[in-house]
Amino acid sequence: MSVNSTDREGQVDVVLVKAGRTKMRYPATLLQDDGTRITVRADFAGDRPRDFGFVRFEPGDVFTEYYWRDRWYAIKAVHTSRGALKGWYCDIARPATFRGTELVVEDLDLDLWRSADATDIRRLDEDEFEESDLATSDPQAAAAAVAALDELEALAAGDGFEALLAWVRSAADGTSRSCCPRS
């Protein structure tokens, strides 16, 4: 069901599900829901820093998160408390759905990181994806997940990611234009 931003305002709970269980739940402010793309803003959900080696998420960091009802990924812009962009964390996930005021996203283990200056683009958690055995239990979902990761990596490495980011930002400020052919 398509929901416009005027139908759903204010706070929502982002619910990240993994293997049928709630992995994480956190409050977020709904910024936009145009029926296809959902944009929320949330503070870092942890009470202690989380250091991945290539980036450190800390209390005070702000995530602007972009979800789609028709794409197998979510893109999260990560900013410091002072507004400096750290980079973009991309989750490979089934298309997002709303259940009341809950934005439900099923994490499929694969992730992509792109630093703010685009010098660090890395695929993450491919070992977890293999261990999940999704390729056996749901081969179509596994194929969609791998294709989504490949798409994001190609976009991140070339000009396509910049176009997607510009499109996402313009959509948030109301200047959306047609963009980003799907591969």
Protein backbone atom coordinates (compact mmCIF):
# COMPACT_ATOMS: atom_id res chain seq x y z
CA MET A 1 0.00 0.00 0.00
CA SER A 2 1.33 3.39 -0.92
CA VAL A 3 1.49 5.93 1.87
CA ASN A 4 2.17 9.62 1.39
CA SER A 5 4.16 11.62 3.90
CA THR A 6 1.01 13.47 4.95
CA ASP A 7 -0.56 10.19 6.10
CA ARG A 8 2.23 9.30 8.52
CA GLU A 9 4.05 12.01 10.44
CA GLY A 10 6.47 12.23 13.32
CA GLN A 11 8.01 9.29 15.08
CA VAL A 12 8.31 5.76 13.76
CA ASP A 13 10.20 2.75 15.02
CA VAL A 14 12.72 1.22 12.65
CA VAL A 15 12.67 -2.54 13.19
CA LEU A 16 15.59 -4.47 11.72
CA VAL A 17 14.75 -8.15 11.40
CA LYS A 18 17.30 -10.88 10.77
CA ALA A 19 16.44 -14.56 10.33
CA GLY A 20 12.91 -13.93 11.58
CA ARG A 21 13.97 -12.21 14.82
CA THR A 22 14.16 -8.57 15.76
CA LYS A 23 17.84 -7.63 15.62
CA MET A 24 17.39 -3.99 16.55
CA ARG A 25 14.63 -1.48 17.14
CA TYR A 26 15.11 2.26 17.43
CA PRO A 27 13.06 5.45 17.18
CA ALA A 28 13.37 7.65 14.11
CA THR A 29 11.75 10.77 12.74
CA LEU A 30 9.89 10.23 9.48
CA LEU A 31 11.08 12.86 7.00
CA GLN A 32 9.39 11.59 3.84
CA ASP A 33 7.30 8.76 2.48
CA ASP A 34 6.42 9.20 -1.17
CA GLY A 35 4.95 5.73 -1.61
CA THR A 36 8.20 4.25 -2.94
CA ARG A 37 11.00 5.80 -0.90
CA ILE A 38 10.94 6.33 2.86
CA THR A 39 13.38 8.70 4.55
CA VAL A 40 13.95 8.80 8.30
CA ARG A 41 16.48 10.42 10.61
CA ALA A 42 17.74 8.69 13.75
CA ASP A 43 20.45 9.12 16.33
CA PHE A 44 23.05 6.37 16.63
CA ALA A 45 21.24 3.57 18.47
CA GLY A 46 24.16 2.50 20.66
CA ASP A 47 25.20 3.81 24.04
CA ARG A 48 28.90 3.09 23.35
CA PRO A 49 31.03 3.67 20.26
CA ARG A 50 31.13 0.87 17.71
CA ASP A 51 34.48 0.72 15.94
CA PHE A 52 34.54 -1.25 12.68
CA GLY A 53 38.16 -0.35 11.92
CA PHE A 54 37.25 1.62 8.80
CA VAL A 55 34.63 3.80 10.57
CA ARG A 56 33.57 4.44 14.13
CA PHE A 57 29.91 5.04 14.99
CA GLU A 58 29.50 7.05 18.18
CA PRO A 59 26.78 8.42 20.42
CA GLY A 60 25.78 11.73 18.86
CA ASP A 61 26.16 10.48 15.27
CA VAL A 62 23.09 11.11 13.14
CA PHE A 63 21.84 8.69 10.47
CA THR A 64 19.66 9.85 7.60
CA GLU A 65 18.27 6.59 6.27
CA TYR A 66 16.73 5.96 2.86
CA TYR A 67 14.58 2.88 2.34
CA TRP A 68 12.74 1.70 -0.75
CA ARG A 69 9.66 -0.42 -1.22
CA ASP A 70 10.99 -1.60 -4.59
CA ARG A 71 14.73 -2.00 -4.03
CA TRP A 72 16.72 -4.55 -2.09
CA TYR A 73 18.83 -2.08 -0.14
CA ALA A 74 18.82 0.82 2.28
CA ILE A 75 21.31 3.68 2.26
CA LYS A 76 22.27 5.45 5.46
CA ALA A 77 24.17 8.74 5.47
CA VAL A 78 26.22 8.87 8.66
CA HIS A 79 27.09 12.31 10.06
CA THR A 80 28.97 13.33 13.18
CA SER A 81 27.15 15.35 15.84
CA ARG A 82 28.73 18.44 14.22
CA GLY A 83 27.33 17.58 10.80
CA ALA A 84 30.44 16.23 9.04
CA LEU A 85 29.66 13.32 6.70
CA LYS A 86 31.51 10.15 7.73
CA GLY A 87 30.16 8.11 4.84
CA TRP A 88 27.36 5.93 3.61
CA TYR A 89 26.48 2.57 5.13
CA CYS A 90 24.33 0.47 2.83
CA ASP A 91 22.34 -2.51 4.04
CA ILE A 92 21.21 -5.19 1.65
CA ALA A 93 17.66 -5.96 2.73
CA ARG A 94 14.29 -6.97 1.42
CA PRO A 95 12.16 -4.01 0.32
CA ALA A 96 10.94 -2.03 3.33
CA THR A 97 7.38 -2.25 4.64
CA PHE A 98 5.30 -0.40 7.20
CA ARG A 99 3.40 -2.21 9.92
CA GLY A 100 1.48 0.54 11.69
CA THR A 101 4.17 2.97 12.83
CA GLU A 102 6.95 0.38 12.47
CA LEU A 103 9.25 0.56 9.46
CA VAL A 104 10.22 -3.10 9.08
CA VAL A 105 13.37 -4.05 7.21
CA GLU A 106 14.67 -7.60 6.84
CA ASP A 107 18.47 -7.56 6.87
CA LEU A 108 20.07 -10.04 4.46
CA ASP A 109 23.57 -9.78 5.98
CA LEU A 110 25.38 -8.15 3.05
CA ASP A 111 26.51 -4.54 3.47
CA LEU A 112 28.52 -1.91 1.64
CA TRP A 113 30.51 0.99 3.09
CA ARG A 114 31.48 4.08 1.13
CA SER A 115 33.55 6.74 2.85
CA ALA A 116 32.58 10.39 2.42
CA ASP A 117 35.52 10.97 0.05
CA ALA A 118 34.87 7.72 -1.88
CA THR A 119 38.39 6.44 -1.27
CA ASP A 120 37.12 3.49 0.75
CA ILE A 121 34.43 1.32 -0.80
CA ARG A 122 34.10 -2.11 0.72
CA ARG A 123 31.77 -5.07 0.69
CA LEU A 124 30.98 -6.36 4.16
CA ASP A 125 29.68 -9.52 5.80
CA GLU A 126 29.82 -11.81 2.77
CA ASP A 127 30.82 -14.61 5.15
CA GLU A 128 27.66 -14.05 7.23
CA PHE A 129 25.60 -14.12 4.05
CA GLU A 130 27.08 -17.48 3.07
CA GLU A 131 26.49 -18.86 6.57
CA SER A 132 22.85 -17.72 6.50
CA ASP A 133 22.17 -20.35 3.82
CA LEU A 134 19.71 -18.01 2.09
CA ALA A 135 20.91 -19.34 -1.27
CA THR A 136 19.35 -22.69 -0.36
CA SER A 137 16.29 -21.57 1.61
CA ASP A 138 15.29 -18.70 -0.72
CA PRO A 139 17.38 -18.68 -3.92
CA GLN A 140 15.43 -15.80 -5.47
CA ALA A 141 16.03 -13.57 -2.45
CA ALA A 142 19.70 -14.56 -2.38
CA ALA A 143 20.08 -13.66 -6.06
CA ALA A 144 18.30 -10.32 -5.49
CA ALA A 145 20.60 -9.59 -2.53
CA VAL A 146 23.78 -10.30 -4.49
CA ALA A 147 22.49 -8.23 -7.43
CA ALA A 148 21.69 -5.33 -5.07
CA LEU A 149 25.20 -5.45 -3.58
CA ASP A 150 26.74 -5.53 -7.06
CA GLU A 151 24.55 -2.59 -8.10
CA LEU A 152 25.54 -0.50 -5.10
CA GLU A 153 29.22 -1.31 -5.49
CA ALA A 154 29.12 -0.28 -9.16
CA LEU A 155 27.28 2.92 -8.29
CA ALA A 156 29.73 3.68 -5.47
CA ALA A 157 32.77 3.14 -7.68
CA GLY A 158 31.55 5.27 -10.59
CA ASP A 159 29.47 8.36 -11.17
CA GLY A 160 26.24 6.43 -10.65
CA PHE A 161 26.50 6.52 -6.88
CA GLU A 162 26.98 10.29 -6.98
CA ALA A 163 23.85 10.57 -9.14
CA LEU A 164 21.91 8.35 -6.74
CA LEU A 165 23.09 10.39 -3.76
CA ALA A 166 22.15 13.64 -5.50
CA TRP A 167 18.76 12.15 -6.36
CA VAL A 168 18.21 10.98 -2.79
CA ARG A 169 19.20 14.37 -1.37
CA SER A 170 17.06 16.26 -3.89
CA ALA A 171 14.10 14.06 -3.06
CA ALA A 172 14.48 14.94 0.60
CA ASP A 173 14.46 18.67 -0.12
CA GLY A 174 11.66 18.47 -2.68
CA THR A 175 13.71 19.03 -5.85
CA SER A 176 13.58 15.42 -7.04
CA ARG A 177 14.39 14.67 -10.65
CA SER A 178 14.31 11.47 -12.65
CA CYS A 179 17.50 9.57 -12.04
CA CYS A 180 19.43 6.45 -11.69
CA PRO A 181 18.62 3.74 -14.18
CA ARG A 182 18.47 0.35 -12.54
CA SER A 183 21.04 -2.19 -13.56
